[in-house]
Protein backbone atom coordinates (compact mmCIF):
# COMPACT_ATOMS: atom_id res chain seq x y z
CA MET A 1 -17.88 5.05 14.94
CA ILE A 2 -19.06 8.21 13.71
CA ASP A 3 -17.25 10.55 16.21
CA ASN A 4 -13.78 8.66 15.78
CA PHE A 5 -12.89 10.96 12.97
CA ARG A 6 -11.13 13.53 13.61
CA GLU A 7 -9.03 10.96 17.08
CA ALA A 8 -8.24 8.78 13.93
CA LEU A 9 -6.95 11.58 11.63
CA GLN A 10 -4.35 13.04 14.67
CA ALA A 11 -3.40 8.86 15.06
CA VAL A 12 -2.21 8.59 11.43
CA LEU A 13 -0.86 12.41 10.82
CA LEU A 14 1.40 10.95 13.83
CA HIS A 15 2.49 8.00 11.65
CA GLU A 16 2.51 9.87 7.96
CA GLY A 17 4.80 12.75 9.02
CA GLY A 18 5.64 15.63 7.22
CA PHE A 19 7.29 16.31 3.78
CA VAL A 20 9.16 13.49 1.84
CA ASN A 21 10.28 12.39 -1.17
CA HIS A 22 12.53 8.54 -0.50
CA PRO A 23 13.99 7.66 -4.09
CA LYS A 24 12.48 4.31 -3.41
CA ASP A 25 9.09 4.77 -2.24
CA PRO A 26 7.28 3.94 -5.35
CA GLY A 27 4.74 6.76 -4.01
CA GLY A 28 7.29 9.60 -4.09
CA MET A 29 6.40 12.41 -3.09
CA THR A 30 4.57 13.09 0.36
CA ASN A 31 3.17 15.01 3.05
CA LEU A 32 1.06 13.89 6.08
CA GLY A 33 1.06 11.11 4.07
CA VAL A 34 -0.52 12.00 1.23
CA THR A 35 1.35 11.39 -2.36
CA LYS A 36 1.31 13.45 -5.19
CA LYS A 37 -0.73 11.47 -7.49
CA VAL A 38 -3.71 11.27 -4.69
CA TRP A 39 -3.54 14.94 -4.18
CA GLU A 40 -3.07 15.88 -7.96
CA GLU A 41 -6.61 13.47 -8.46
CA TRP A 42 -8.47 15.31 -5.32
CA VAL A 43 -7.46 19.33 -6.64
CA GLY A 44 -7.79 17.71 -9.88
CA HIS A 45 -4.46 19.76 -11.57
CA PRO A 46 -0.94 19.66 -11.43
CA VAL A 47 0.63 20.07 -7.69
CA GLY A 48 4.67 21.43 -7.44
CA GLU A 49 6.84 20.64 -4.36
CA SER A 50 5.76 24.00 -3.13
CA GLU A 51 2.09 23.08 -2.67
CA MET A 52 3.22 19.51 -1.72
CA ARG A 53 4.57 21.21 1.58
CA ALA A 54 2.14 23.26 1.96
CA LEU A 55 -0.57 21.06 2.74
CA THR A 56 -1.46 20.78 6.53
CA PRO A 57 -3.44 18.79 8.75
CA GLU A 58 -6.76 21.11 7.47
CA THR A 59 -6.29 20.99 3.65
CA VAL A 60 -5.99 16.95 3.28
CA ALA A 61 -9.16 16.10 6.25
CA PRO A 62 -11.63 16.28 3.82
CA MET A 63 -9.90 14.08 1.25
CA TYR A 64 -8.75 11.38 4.05
CA ARG A 65 -12.85 11.63 4.83
CA ARG A 66 -13.87 11.08 1.45
CA LYS A 67 -11.38 8.93 0.18
CA TYR A 68 -10.05 6.47 2.94
CA TRP A 69 -12.75 7.12 5.82
CA ASP A 70 -15.79 7.22 3.92
CA ALA A 71 -14.73 4.18 1.51
CA VAL A 72 -13.94 1.46 4.23
CA LYS A 73 -17.91 2.75 6.15
CA GLY A 74 -15.58 4.47 8.87
CA ASP A 75 -19.16 5.72 10.94
CA GLU A 76 -20.09 2.27 10.85
CA LEU A 77 -17.35 0.28 12.48
CA PRO A 78 -17.03 -0.36 15.81
CA SER A 79 -14.44 2.11 17.65
CA GLY A 80 -11.24 0.72 17.00
CA LEU A 81 -11.26 -0.89 13.91
CA ASP A 82 -11.99 1.98 12.70
CA TYR A 83 -9.32 3.54 12.96
CA LEU A 84 -7.49 0.48 12.03
CA MET A 85 -9.43 0.12 8.27
CA PHE A 86 -8.90 4.33 8.14
CA ASP A 87 -4.80 4.02 8.80
CA PHE A 88 -4.46 0.56 6.81
CA ALA A 89 -6.88 2.13 4.11
CA ILE A 90 -4.37 5.11 3.52
CA ASN A 91 -1.27 2.89 3.04
CA ALA A 92 -2.53 -0.19 0.99
CA GLY A 93 -5.98 1.27 -0.85
CA PRO A 94 -9.39 1.23 1.10
CA GLY A 95 -10.51 -1.94 -1.35
CA ARG A 96 -7.29 -4.22 0.21
CA ALA A 97 -8.22 -2.76 3.58
CA ILE A 98 -11.52 -4.32 3.36
CA ARG A 99 -10.48 -7.52 1.89
CA THR A 100 -7.82 -7.73 5.03
CA MET A 101 -10.42 -7.13 7.18
CA GLN A 102 -12.64 -9.57 5.89
CA LYS A 103 -10.38 -12.07 5.52
CA ALA A 104 -9.67 -11.51 9.17
CA ILE A 105 -13.28 -12.21 9.85
CA GLY A 106 -13.74 -14.92 8.00
CA THR A 107 -15.97 -13.50 5.16
CA ASN A 108 -15.27 -13.77 1.48
CA PRO A 109 -12.87 -11.19 0.79
CA ASP A 110 -14.87 -9.34 -2.19
CA GLY A 111 -13.74 -5.55 -0.77
CA VAL A 112 -17.39 -4.37 -0.35
CA ILE A 113 -18.84 -3.62 3.18
CA GLY A 114 -21.95 -5.07 2.70
CA PRO A 115 -24.89 -6.73 5.09
CA LYS A 116 -22.68 -10.12 5.63
CA THR A 117 -20.03 -8.67 6.79
CA MET A 118 -21.19 -5.90 8.56
CA GLN A 119 -22.91 -8.68 10.97
CA ALA A 120 -19.80 -10.10 10.83
CA LEU A 121 -18.52 -7.41 12.29
CA LYS A 122 -20.62 -6.99 14.58
CA ASP A 123 -20.28 -10.37 16.23
CA ALA A 124 -16.85 -10.58 16.40
CA ASP A 125 -14.84 -9.88 19.82
CA PRO A 126 -13.33 -6.13 19.33
CA THR A 127 -10.05 -7.15 20.74
CA ASP A 128 -9.32 -10.55 18.82
CA LEU A 129 -10.43 -8.68 15.31
CA ILE A 130 -8.01 -5.82 15.57
CA ALA A 131 -5.22 -8.71 16.81
CA LYS A 132 -6.25 -10.81 13.40
CA PHE A 133 -6.49 -7.81 11.47
CA SER A 134 -3.21 -7.18 12.46
CA VAL A 135 -1.27 -10.23 11.61
CA GLU A 136 -3.10 -9.61 8.04
CA LYS A 137 -1.22 -6.50 7.75
CA GLU A 138 1.91 -7.96 8.93
CA LEU A 139 1.95 -10.43 6.03
CA PHE A 140 0.76 -7.74 3.79
CA TYR A 141 3.41 -5.76 4.61
CA LYS A 142 6.35 -8.75 4.57
CA ALA A 143 5.06 -9.49 1.57
CA LEU A 144 5.82 -6.25 -0.51
CA PRO A 145 9.36 -5.74 -2.27
CA THR A 146 10.01 -2.55 -0.66
CA PHE A 147 9.77 -4.21 3.09
CA ALA A 148 13.48 -4.64 3.16
CA THR A 149 13.92 -0.72 2.74
CA PHE A 150 10.34 0.27 5.22
CA GLY A 151 9.40 -3.08 6.79
CA LYS A 152 10.73 -1.62 10.24
CA GLY A 153 8.81 1.25 9.87
CA TRP A 154 5.21 -0.52 8.80
CA LEU A 155 5.52 -3.07 11.79
CA ARG A 156 6.17 -0.10 14.25
CA ARG A 157 2.95 1.23 12.49
CA VAL A 158 0.98 -2.07 12.88
CA ASP A 159 1.96 -2.46 16.58
CA GLU A 160 1.13 1.59 17.29
CA ALA A 161 -1.94 1.23 15.61
CA LYS A 162 -3.05 -2.24 17.37
CA SER A 163 -2.52 -0.54 21.06
CA HIS A 164 -4.27 2.30 19.67
CA ALA A 165 -7.01 1.14 18.53
CA VAL A 166 -6.91 -1.18 21.81
CA THR A 167 -6.92 1.90 23.94
CA MET A 168 -10.27 3.73 21.76
CA LEU A 169 -12.17 0.33 23.01
CA ALA A 170 -12.60 1.28 26.11
């Protein structure tokens, strides 16, 4: 929904936290959920640890909007689902987020939100779709080789995101 980006970003940043550089995380150095690689692509030059540590919600918001919110058509999605799609796009990529949602609603998982997918989203029961999408997200995380290390946090995030998405429906 067009007015939900700020709320969705705040919810995502609660989950993403601050600076981390976990040796088992394939994303490497990360701050506010932004990996060093993604930030370097966004700013167009190499960055060091000090620049990564200096990221703020204000500096990362435009990148999050363009690379993730806009990529999943957040402004056009029903309230609640927009947040779930945005959140998962950040963790798994916009294409995977779209395909996962398409699988949950039973449309062709081609990774494109076209007219058929958009109509299926509008026709779906929002609470049911949030539940189905959350189940699909769990299945994705459980299949990752790093699940033993990060799985508990991912599943907690799925549950918290699902709960927040349902409150956004009201």
